[in-house]
Protein backbone atom coordinates (compact mmCIF):
# COMPACT_ATOMS: atom_id res chain seq x y z
CA MET A 1 -0.39 12.98 -35.20
CA SER A 2 0.42 13.96 -31.63
CA THR A 3 -0.20 17.25 -29.89
CA PRO A 4 2.86 19.53 -30.03
CA GLY A 5 4.78 19.21 -26.77
CA ALA A 6 3.29 15.79 -25.90
CA ASP A 7 5.63 13.58 -23.88
CA THR A 8 5.71 10.42 -26.03
CA ASN A 9 7.28 8.50 -23.12
CA ALA A 10 4.14 9.15 -21.05
CA LEU A 11 1.55 8.04 -23.64
CA VAL A 12 -1.03 5.45 -22.61
CA VAL A 13 -3.38 3.53 -24.89
CA GLY A 14 -7.14 3.57 -24.42
CA ARG A 15 -9.46 1.13 -26.20
CA PHE A 16 -13.18 1.93 -26.52
CA VAL A 17 -15.62 -0.96 -26.92
CA SER A 18 -19.38 -0.47 -26.75
CA THR A 19 -19.71 2.02 -23.87
CA ALA A 20 -16.49 1.49 -21.90
CA TRP A 21 -12.81 2.38 -22.03
CA THR A 22 -10.12 -0.15 -21.16
CA TYR A 23 -6.39 0.48 -20.94
CA PRO A 24 -4.21 -2.29 -22.39
CA ALA A 25 -0.58 -2.69 -21.39
CA VAL A 26 1.86 -0.47 -23.26
CA GLY A 27 4.85 -2.11 -24.93
CA THR A 28 7.58 -0.34 -26.88
CA ARG A 29 7.42 3.45 -27.20
CA THR A 30 9.36 5.49 -29.78
CA PRO A 31 9.09 9.16 -30.75
CA THR A 32 6.67 8.15 -33.54
CA SER A 33 4.84 5.05 -32.24
CA THR A 34 3.38 3.43 -29.13
CA GLN A 35 2.68 -0.32 -28.94
CA ALA A 36 -0.32 -1.80 -27.13
CA THR A 37 0.13 -5.40 -25.99
CA GLY A 38 -2.15 -8.22 -24.87
CA LEU A 39 -4.92 -7.41 -27.36
CA SER A 40 -7.08 -10.18 -28.81
CA ALA A 41 -9.41 -8.09 -31.00
CA PHE A 42 -9.61 -4.87 -32.98
CA GLY A 43 -11.34 -1.79 -31.62
CA ASP A 44 -11.29 1.99 -31.41
CA PHE A 45 -8.08 3.33 -29.88
CA GLN A 46 -6.90 6.66 -28.52
CA LEU A 47 -3.47 7.75 -27.24
CA GLY A 48 -3.01 10.31 -24.50
CA GLU A 49 -0.60 11.36 -21.78
CA GLY A 50 -1.23 9.53 -18.54
CA GLY A 51 -1.41 11.14 -15.13
CA ALA A 52 -3.65 13.67 -13.48
CA PRO A 53 -5.12 16.27 -15.84
CA LYS A 54 -3.98 19.87 -15.57
CA VAL A 55 -7.22 21.69 -16.27
CA GLY A 56 -8.19 25.28 -15.65
CA LEU A 57 -11.90 26.06 -15.36
CA GLN A 58 -13.65 29.40 -15.73
CA LYS A 59 -17.40 29.71 -15.43
CA ASP A 60 -19.93 32.48 -15.90
CA VAL A 61 -23.69 32.74 -15.44
CA THR A 62 -25.66 35.64 -16.88
CA PRO A 63 -27.64 37.34 -15.35
CA LEU A 64 -26.02 37.19 -11.90
CA GLY A 65 -27.83 36.75 -8.59
CA ASP A 66 -31.24 35.38 -7.69
CA GLN A 67 -33.71 35.23 -10.58
CA GLU A 68 -37.43 34.64 -10.94
CA PRO A 69 -38.48 31.17 -12.17
CA GLY A 70 -38.53 31.05 -15.96
CA THR A 71 -35.82 33.71 -16.38
CA GLU A 72 -33.65 33.13 -19.47
CA MET A 73 -30.08 32.42 -18.31
CA THR A 74 -26.79 31.74 -20.13
CA TYR A 75 -24.19 29.35 -18.68
CA THR A 76 -20.66 29.50 -20.12
CA VAL A 77 -17.82 27.17 -19.15
CA ASP A 78 -14.26 27.47 -20.52
CA VAL A 79 -11.87 24.56 -20.00
CA HIS A 80 -8.16 24.96 -20.75
CA GLU A 81 -5.62 22.13 -20.83
CA HIS A 82 -2.20 23.40 -19.76
CA GLY A 83 -3.45 26.92 -20.54
CA GLN A 84 -3.87 26.00 -24.21
CA TYR A 85 -6.48 24.51 -26.51
CA PRO A 86 -9.60 26.19 -25.11
CA CYS A 87 -12.92 24.38 -25.23
CA THR A 88 -15.97 26.56 -24.61
CA GLU A 89 -19.49 25.35 -23.90
CA SER A 90 -22.33 27.87 -23.72
CA ARG A 91 -25.99 27.04 -23.06
CA ASP A 92 -29.10 29.18 -22.84
CA HIS A 93 -31.83 27.94 -20.49
């Protein structure tokens, strides 16, 4: 299943093996499939739109300003792809 609004003509194939991603050549693309070529083994695959990411980043640290060592602080980072699909990470330290 692709993300709504994905440009299927811009999809690239990523193959994950062990700890590294490789990017095999892409063959035929249709609205419902993308072909990877030149593969000699199975693996874990992911499809995604190629090109530079369009990411918005918002960050917040609470409390603000200089703090004494050992002060409890919260770091929050919000990442938005194309202004959609938010991913929030919050850590207390």
